[in-house]
C-alpha atoms as a PDB file:
ATOM      1  CA  MET A   1      -0.105   0.056  -0.023  1.00  0.00           C
ATOM      2  CA  THR A   2       1.361   3.292  -0.985  1.00  0.00           C
ATOM      3  CA  LEU A   3      -0.003   7.058  -0.744  1.00  0.00           C
ATOM      4  CA  GLU A   4      -0.599   7.027  -4.599  1.00  0.00           C
ATOM      5  CA  ASP A   5      -2.906   3.853  -3.981  1.00  0.00           C
ATOM      6  CA  LEU A   6      -5.377   5.928  -1.592  1.00  0.00           C
ATOM      7  CA  LYS A   7      -6.184   8.732  -4.374  1.00  0.00           C
ATOM      8  CA  PRO A   8      -8.645   6.838  -6.159  1.00  0.00           C
ATOM      9  CA  LYS A   9     -10.033   6.127  -2.769  1.00  0.00           C
ATOM     10  CA  TYR A  10      -9.976   9.778  -2.063  1.00  0.00           C
ATOM     11  CA  ASP A  11     -11.514  10.580  -5.451  1.00  0.00           C
ATOM     12  CA  LYS A  12     -14.437   8.413  -4.902  1.00  0.00           C
ATOM     13  CA  LEU A  13     -15.172  10.482  -1.769  1.00  0.00           C
ATOM     14  CA  GLN A  14     -14.738  13.804  -3.444  1.00  0.00           C
ATOM     15  CA  LYS A  15     -17.789  13.048  -5.846  1.00  0.00           C
ATOM     16  CA  LYS A  16     -19.782  12.139  -2.807  1.00  0.00           C
ATOM     17  CA  TYR A  17     -18.916  14.688  -0.291  1.00  0.00           C
ATOM     18  CA  GLY A  18     -17.279  17.479  -2.281  1.00  0.00           C
ATOM     19  CA  ALA A  19     -17.668  20.222  -4.752  1.00  0.00           C
ATOM     20  CA  LYS A  20     -18.173  18.442  -8.224  1.00  0.00           C
ATOM     21  CA  GLU A  21     -16.144  21.123  -9.805  1.00  0.00           C
ATOM     22  CA  LEU A  22     -13.152  20.555  -7.700  1.00  0.00           C
ATOM     23  CA  ASP A  23     -10.823  17.950  -6.917  1.00  0.00           C
ATOM     24  CA  SER A  24      -9.389  16.295  -4.155  1.00  0.00           C
ATOM     25  CA  ILE A  25      -6.418  17.643  -2.293  1.00  0.00           C
ATOM     26  CA  TYR A  26      -4.194  14.871  -0.874  1.00  0.00           C
ATOM     27  CA  ASN A  27      -1.153  15.267   1.128  1.00  0.00           C
ATOM     28  CA  GLY A  28       2.377  16.311   0.578  1.00  0.00           C
ATOM     29  CA  GLY A  29       6.090  16.475   2.301  1.00  0.00           C
ATOM     30  CA  CYS A  30       8.180  14.257   3.710  1.00  0.00           C
ATOM     31  CA  ASP A  31       6.408  10.856   3.506  1.00  0.00           C
ATOM     32  CA  ILE A  32       9.300   8.537   4.725  1.00  0.00           C
ATOM     33  CA  ASN A  33       9.397   8.771   8.642  1.00  0.00           C
ATOM     34  CA  PRO A  34       8.811  12.585   9.011  1.00  0.00           C
ATOM     35  CA  ASP A  35       9.353  14.321  12.145  1.00  0.00           C
ATOM     36  CA  ILE A  36       5.828  15.727  12.151  1.00  0.00           C
ATOM     37  CA  CYS A  37       2.614  14.863  10.344  1.00  0.00           C
ATOM     38  CA  PHE A  38       0.382  17.827  10.771  1.00  0.00           C
ATOM     39  CA  VAL A  39      -3.364  17.114  10.335  1.00  0.00           C
ATOM     40  CA  PHE A  40      -5.743  19.751   9.374  1.00  0.00           C
ATOM     41  CA  MET A  41      -9.594  19.433   8.554  1.00  0.00           C
ATOM     42  CA  ASN A  42     -10.578  19.677   4.864  1.00  0.00           C
ATOM     43  CA  PRO A  43      -9.230  21.830   1.974  1.00  0.00           C
ATOM     44  CA  THR A  44     -11.350  24.501   0.168  1.00  0.00           C
ATOM     45  CA  GLY A  45     -11.422  26.073  -3.286  1.00  0.00           C
ATOM     46  CA  ARG A  46      -8.867  28.707  -2.261  1.00  0.00           C
ATOM     47  CA  ASN A  47      -6.186  25.917  -2.919  1.00  0.00           C
ATOM     48  CA  ILE A  48      -5.670  26.368  -6.801  1.00  0.00           C
ATOM     49  CA  ALA A  49      -4.417  23.103  -6.785  1.00  0.00           C
ATOM     50  CA  SER A  50      -8.317  21.791  -6.511  1.00  0.00           C
ATOM     51  CA  SER A  51      -8.806  23.312 -10.006  1.00  0.00           C
ATOM     52  CA  LYS A  52      -9.338  20.217 -12.520  1.00  0.00           C
ATOM     53  CA  GLU A  53      -7.075  22.513 -15.155  1.00  0.00           C
ATOM     54  CA  TRP A  54      -4.051  22.354 -12.235  1.00  0.00           C
ATOM     55  CA  LYS A  55      -1.921  19.130 -13.241  1.00  0.00           C
ATOM     56  CA  GLY A  56       0.678  19.586 -10.307  1.00  0.00           C
ATOM     57  CA  LEU A  57       0.860  18.476  -6.826  1.00  0.00           C
ATOM     58  CA  LYS A  58      -2.698  18.297  -5.281  1.00  0.00           C
ATOM     59  CA  SER A  59      -1.310  18.902  -1.962  1.00  0.00           C
ATOM     60  CA  PRO A  60      -2.914  21.431   0.979  1.00  0.00           C
ATOM     61  CA  TRP A  61      -2.633  25.208   1.232  1.00  0.00           C
ATOM     62  CA  ILE A  62      -1.268  25.703  -2.436  1.00  0.00           C
ATOM     63  CA  GLY A  63      -1.998  29.393  -3.568  1.00  0.00           C
ATOM     64  CA  THR A  64      -2.578  30.318  -0.072  1.00  0.00           C
ATOM     65  CA  LYS A  65      -0.763  32.526   2.594  1.00  0.00           C
ATOM     66  CA  ASN A  66      -1.679  32.657   6.081  1.00  0.00           C
ATOM     67  CA  ILE A  67      -0.894  29.077   7.050  1.00  0.00           C
ATOM     68  CA  TRP A  68       2.982  29.541   5.881  1.00  0.00           C
ATOM     69  CA  ASP A  69       3.003  32.394   8.825  1.00  0.00           C
ATOM     70  CA  LEU A  70       2.689  29.397  11.121  1.00  0.00           C
ATOM     71  CA  PHE A  71       5.496  27.266   9.465  1.00  0.00           C
ATOM     72  CA  VAL A  72       7.934  29.857   9.107  1.00  0.00           C
ATOM     73  CA  LEU A  73       7.464  31.066  12.641  1.00  0.00           C
ATOM     74  CA  LEU A  74       8.407  27.496  13.640  1.00  0.00           C
ATOM     75  CA  ASN A  75      11.417  27.420  11.443  1.00  0.00           C
ATOM     76  CA  LEU A  76       9.908  24.741   9.535  1.00  0.00           C
ATOM     77  CA  LEU A  77      10.083  27.032   6.478  1.00  0.00           C
ATOM     78  CA  ASP A  78      12.994  28.801   4.776  1.00  0.00           C
ATOM     79  CA  LYS A  79      12.733  32.548   4.856  1.00  0.00           C
ATOM     80  CA  GLU A  80      13.383  32.932   1.201  1.00  0.00           C
ATOM     81  CA  ILE A  81      10.467  30.604   0.023  1.00  0.00           C
ATOM     82  CA  TYR A  82       8.245  32.418   2.959  1.00  0.00           C
ATOM     83  CA  SER A  83       9.257  35.767   1.242  1.00  0.00           C
ATOM     84  CA  ASN A  84       8.044  34.422  -2.157  1.00  0.00           C
ATOM     85  CA  ILE A  85       4.580  32.954  -1.065  1.00  0.00           C
ATOM     86  CA  LYS A  86       3.857  36.392   0.634  1.00  0.00           C
ATOM     87  CA  SER A  87       4.916  38.488  -2.162  1.00  0.00           C
ATOM     88  CA  ILE A  88       2.601  36.510  -4.995  1.00  0.00           C
ATOM     89  CA  LYS A  89      -1.137  36.339  -5.470  1.00  0.00           C
ATOM     90  CA  GLY A  90      -2.418  32.976  -4.813  1.00  0.00           C
ATOM     91  CA  CYS A  91      -3.455  32.746  -8.536  1.00  0.00           C
ATOM     92  CA  ASP A  92       0.203  33.282  -9.643  1.00  0.00           C
ATOM     93  CA  TRP A  93       1.405  30.160  -7.924  1.00  0.00           C
ATOM     94  CA  THR A  94       2.459  28.063 -10.763  1.00  0.00           C
ATOM     95  CA  GLU A  95       3.253  23.923 -10.506  1.00  0.00           C
ATOM     96  CA  GLU A  96       6.929  24.366 -10.432  1.00  0.00           C
ATOM     97  CA  PHE A  97       6.339  26.981  -7.490  1.00  0.00           C
ATOM     98  CA  ALA A  98       4.398  24.760  -5.726  1.00  0.00           C
ATOM     99  CA  ASN A  99       6.907  21.918  -6.148  1.00  0.00           C
ATOM    100  CA  LYS A 100       9.460  24.078  -4.797  1.00  0.00           C
ATOM    101  CA  VAL A 101       7.408  24.910  -1.662  1.00  0.00           C
ATOM    102  CA  TYR A 102       6.800  21.260  -0.775  1.00  0.00           C
ATOM    103  CA  GLU A 103      10.457  20.352  -1.511  1.00  0.00           C
ATOM    104  CA  ASN A 104      11.028  23.059   1.327  1.00  0.00           C
ATOM    105  CA  VAL A 105       8.534  21.099   3.575  1.00  0.00           C
ATOM    106  CA  LYS A 106      10.247  17.877   2.670  1.00  0.00           C
ATOM    107  CA  LYS A 107      13.762  19.360   3.574  1.00  0.00           C
ATOM    108  CA  HIS A 108      12.210  20.130   6.932  1.00  0.00           C
ATOM    109  CA  LYS A 109      10.956  16.602   7.543  1.00  0.00           C
ATOM    110  CA  TYR A 110       7.297  17.367   8.034  1.00  0.00           C
ATOM    111  CA  PHE A 111       4.289  15.891   6.183  1.00  0.00           C
ATOM    112  CA  ILE A 112       1.109  18.026   5.595  1.00  0.00           C
ATOM    113  CA  THR A 113      -2.578  16.399   5.231  1.00  0.00           C
ATOM    114  CA  ASN A 114      -6.089  16.810   5.902  1.00  0.00           C
ATOM    115  CA  LEU A 115      -8.499  14.209   7.862  1.00  0.00           C
ATOM    116  CA  GLY A 116     -11.006  15.239   5.132  1.00  0.00           C
ATOM    117  CA  LYS A 117      -9.624  15.359   1.364  1.00  0.00           C
ATOM    118  CA  CYS A 118     -13.223  16.541  -0.195  1.00  0.00           C
ATOM    119  CA  THR A 119     -12.764  20.318  -1.269  1.00  0.00           C
ATOM    120  CA  GLN A 120     -15.289  22.445  -0.592  1.00  0.00           C
ATOM    121  CA  VAL A 121     -15.978  25.773  -2.523  1.00  0.00           C
ATOM    122  CA  ASP A 122     -15.936  27.570   0.825  1.00  0.00           C
ATOM    123  CA  ALA A 123     -14.842  26.949   4.375  1.00  0.00           C
ATOM    124  CA  ARG A 124     -18.319  25.437   5.369  1.00  0.00           C
ATOM    125  CA  ALA A 125     -18.431  23.050   8.566  1.00  0.00           C
ATOM    126  CA  LEU A 126     -18.596  19.596   7.864  1.00  0.00           C
ATOM    127  CA  PRO A 127     -20.600  16.967   9.943  1.00  0.00           C
ATOM    128  CA  ASP A 128     -18.598  14.637  12.120  1.00  0.00           C
ATOM    129  CA  SER A 129     -19.967  11.540   9.903  1.00  0.00           C
ATOM    130  CA  VAL A 130     -18.158  13.026   6.693  1.00  0.00           C
ATOM    131  CA  TYR A 131     -14.764  13.128   8.500  1.00  0.00           C
ATOM    132  CA  LYS A 132     -15.272   9.696   9.972  1.00  0.00           C
ATOM    133  CA  GLU A 133     -15.780   8.366   6.243  1.00  0.00           C
ATOM    134  CA  TYR A 134     -12.157   9.378   5.794  1.00  0.00           C
ATOM    135  CA  LEU A 135     -10.485   8.214   9.268  1.00  0.00           C
ATOM    136  CA  ASP A 136      -9.576   4.747   8.106  1.00  0.00           C
ATOM    137  CA  LEU A 137      -7.805   6.115   4.822  1.00  0.00           C
ATOM    138  CA  LEU A 138      -5.982   8.664   7.197  1.00  0.00           C
ATOM    139  CA  LYS A 139      -4.737   5.677   9.584  1.00  0.00           C
ATOM    140  CA  LEU A 140      -3.436   4.061   6.509  1.00  0.00           C
ATOM    141  CA  GLU A 141      -1.278   7.195   5.665  1.00  0.00           C
ATOM    142  CA  PHE A 142       0.014   7.021   9.233  1.00  0.00           C
ATOM    143  CA  ASN A 143       0.959   3.649   8.744  1.00  0.00           C
ATOM    144  CA  ILE A 144       2.528   4.374   5.382  1.00  0.00           C
ATOM    145  CA  ILE A 145       4.758   7.322   6.266  1.00  0.00           C
ATOM    146  CA  ASN A 146       5.468   6.391   9.814  1.00  0.00           C
ATOM    147  CA  PRO A 147       5.677   9.845  11.472  1.00  0.00           C
ATOM    148  CA  LYS A 148       7.542  10.411  14.768  1.00  0.00           C
ATOM    149  CA  VAL A 149       4.783  12.889  15.943  1.00  0.00           C
ATOM    150  CA  ILE A 150       1.139  13.292  14.791  1.00  0.00           C
ATOM    151  CA  ILE A 151      -0.125  16.878  15.480  1.00  0.00           C
ATOM    152  CA  LEU A 152      -4.057  17.116  15.105  1.00  0.00           C
ATOM    153  CA  PHE A 153      -5.558  20.966  14.559  1.00  0.00           C
ATOM    154  CA  GLY A 154      -8.581  21.641  16.451  1.00  0.00           C
ATOM    155  CA  ASN A 155     -11.230  19.929  18.684  1.00  0.00           C
ATOM    156  CA  GLN A 156     -13.277  18.228  15.958  1.00  0.00           C
ATOM    157  CA  VAL A 157     -10.103  16.628  14.097  1.00  0.00           C
ATOM    158  CA  SER A 158      -9.000  15.711  17.518  1.00  0.00           C
ATOM    159  CA  SER A 159     -12.073  13.950  18.941  1.00  0.00           C
ATOM    160  CA  ILE A 160     -12.520  11.960  15.686  1.00  0.00           C
ATOM    161  CA  VAL A 161      -8.949  10.729  15.311  1.00  0.00           C
ATOM    162  CA  LEU A 162      -8.469  10.168  18.927  1.00  0.00           C
ATOM    163  CA  ASP A 163     -12.169   8.782  19.308  1.00  0.00           C
ATOM    164  CA  GLU A 164     -12.890  10.865  22.365  1.00  0.00           C
ATOM    165  CA  LYS A 165     -14.241  14.244  23.277  1.00  0.00           C
ATOM    166  CA  ILE A 166     -11.323  16.792  23.131  1.00  0.00           C
ATOM    167  CA  SER A 167     -11.173  20.377  24.071  1.00  0.00           C
ATOM    168  CA  VAL A 168      -7.608  21.483  22.912  1.00  0.00           C
ATOM    169  CA  SER A 169      -7.547  24.079  25.882  1.00  0.00           C
ATOM    170  CA  GLN A 170      -7.635  21.202  28.411  1.00  0.00           C
ATOM    171  CA  VAL A 171      -5.226  18.948  26.657  1.00  0.00           C
ATOM    172  CA  ARG A 172      -2.526  21.231  25.747  1.00  0.00           C
ATOM    173  CA  LYS A 173       1.208  19.704  25.674  1.00  0.00           C
ATOM    174  CA  ARG A 174      -0.871  16.340  26.555  1.00  0.00           C
ATOM    175  CA  CYS A 175       0.440  13.117  24.505  1.00  0.00           C
ATOM    176  CA  PHE A 176      -1.856  10.709  23.528  1.00  0.00           C
ATOM    177  CA  ILE A 177      -0.458   6.963  22.746  1.00  0.00           C
ATOM    178  CA  LYS A 178      -2.698   5.470  20.290  1.00  0.00           C
ATOM    179  CA  ASP A 179      -2.615   2.047  18.322  1.00  0.00           C
ATOM    180  CA  ILE A 180      -3.191   2.431  14.793  1.00  0.00           C
ATOM    181  CA  ASN A 181      -3.381  -1.022  12.928  1.00  0.00           C
ATOM    182  CA  GLY A 182      -0.785  -2.503  15.194  1.00  0.00           C
ATOM    183  CA  THR A 183       1.632   0.615  15.678  1.00  0.00           C
ATOM    184  CA  GLU A 184       1.853   2.911  18.405  1.00  0.00           C
ATOM    185  CA  TYR A 185       1.750   6.664  17.349  1.00  0.00           C
ATOM    186  CA  LYS A 186       2.305   9.616  19.602  1.00  0.00           C
ATOM    187  CA  PHE A 187      -0.367  12.184  19.182  1.00  0.00           C
ATOM    188  CA  TYR A 188      -0.901  15.932  20.538  1.00  0.00           C
ATOM    189  CA  SER A 189      -3.942  18.216  19.935  1.00  0.00           C
ATOM    190  CA  VAL A 190      -3.439  21.849  19.408  1.00  0.00           C
ATOM    191  CA  TYR A 191      -5.243  24.939  18.529  1.00  0.00           C
ATOM    192  CA  TYR A 192      -6.369  25.280  15.020  1.00  0.00           C
ATOM    193  CA  PRO A 193      -4.032  28.127  13.621  1.00  0.00           C
ATOM    194  CA  VAL A 194      -5.952  29.754  10.482  1.00  0.00           C
ATOM    195  CA  GLY A 195      -9.298  31.126   9.666  1.00  0.00           C
ATOM    196  CA  ASN A 196     -11.453  31.914  12.976  1.00  0.00           C
ATOM    197  CA  GLY A 197      -8.769  30.219  15.104  1.00  0.00           C
ATOM    198  CA  ARG A 198      -6.212  32.741  13.841  1.00  0.00           C
ATOM    199  CA  ILE A 199      -6.678  34.356  17.087  1.00  0.00           C
ATOM    200  CA  ASN A 200      -4.826  31.337  18.687  1.00  0.00           C
ATOM    201  CA  ILE A 201      -1.929  30.900  16.450  1.00  0.00           C
ATOM    202  CA  ASP A 202       0.419  32.213  19.058  1.00  0.00           C
ATOM    203  CA  LYS A 203      -1.020  29.285  21.497  1.00  0.00           C
ATOM    204  CA  SER A 204      -0.277  26.818  18.317  1.00  0.00           C
ATOM    205  CA  ILE A 205       2.903  28.073  17.990  1.00  0.00           C
ATOM    206  CA  GLU A 206       4.026  27.457  21.554  1.00  0.00           C
ATOM    207  CA  ASP A 207       2.893  24.214  21.885  1.00  0.00           C
ATOM    208  CA  ILE A 208       3.968  22.919  18.593  1.00  0.00           C
ATOM    209  CA  LYS A 209       7.859  24.305  19.771  1.00  0.00           C
ATOM    210  CA  TRP A 210       7.354  22.582  22.832  1.00  0.00           C
ATOM    211  CA  ILE A 211       6.476  19.399  21.082  1.00  0.00           C
ATOM    212  CA  ILE A 212       9.325  19.792  18.783  1.00  0.00           C
ATOM    213  CA  ASP A 213      11.904  20.723  21.868  1.00  0.00           C
ATOM    214  CA  ASN A 214      10.464  17.448  24.026  1.00  0.00           C
ATOM    215  CA  GLU A 215       9.637  14.993  21.170  1.00  0.00           C
ATOM    216  CA  ILE A 216      11.959  15.566  18.359  1.00  0.00           C
ATOM    217  CA  GLU A 217      15.023  17.519  19.738  1.00  0.00           C
ATOM    218  CA  LYS A 218      15.349  15.862  22.751  1.00  0.00           C
ATOM    219  CA  ASN A 219      15.202  12.298  21.102  1.00  0.00           C
ATOM    220  CA  LYS A 220      17.791  13.264  18.556  1.00  0.00           C
ATOM    221  CA  ASN A 221      20.153  14.572  21.576  1.00  0.00           C
ATOM    222  CA  SER A 222      19.564  11.399  23.399  1.00  0.00           C
ATOM    223  CA  ARG A 223      20.895   9.180  20.366  1.00  0.00           C
ATOM    224  CA  THR A 224      24.073  11.463  20.006  1.00  0.00           C
ATOM    225  CA  VAL A 225      27.166   9.159  20.728  1.00  0.00           C
ATOM    226  CA  TYR A 226      30.245  11.079  22.023  1.00  0.00           C
ATOM    227  CA  SER A 227      33.533   9.597  21.359  1.00  0.00           C
ATOM    228  CA  PRO A 228      35.970   9.953  24.658  1.00  0.00           C
END
């Protein structure tokens, strides 16, 4: 099973739950044992890769600006790439530029995906029942890429993936260990950092930096061998 194998399944669900004139948005970034897998909600038509005319990467946040504020402040995006993103209009992204952005994501060893891949024309709320249709496929993504840590954005995504009622404000910096198809993964729930959640971006950054320091950097340091 590969990520490519999942795409027809996502496309089938797009026809059922998404806008008929738009394509599914899949995932992107480091897909071999990334340090972090970031899980958002679902894409909207603001992602220009959802156009049927777009033949390049069908990855999250292509043609948008605000989410990249988060990644650059986490030192997970080179400043030159960030400057380019902020200086052009969303409609001016090219397929080549999208590749360049996601090569930088890969360089920083993280993976970006959504729980739901069904692209909507706008940021309308989706019921839990729709997201749950994607849950088994998301779990297969985890098994395929095998991330060190999984970060879930927002109450709804966290509650569905962790299968319990989650309020992000009550579980900040708390690690959830969950078995996914026979493999244990570490999960953290953080505030959604864009749209209406933009007001909480500072809390998202604080918590993700803590997770990086305590789950990624600390483990790297503990594996360092010093010669006498």
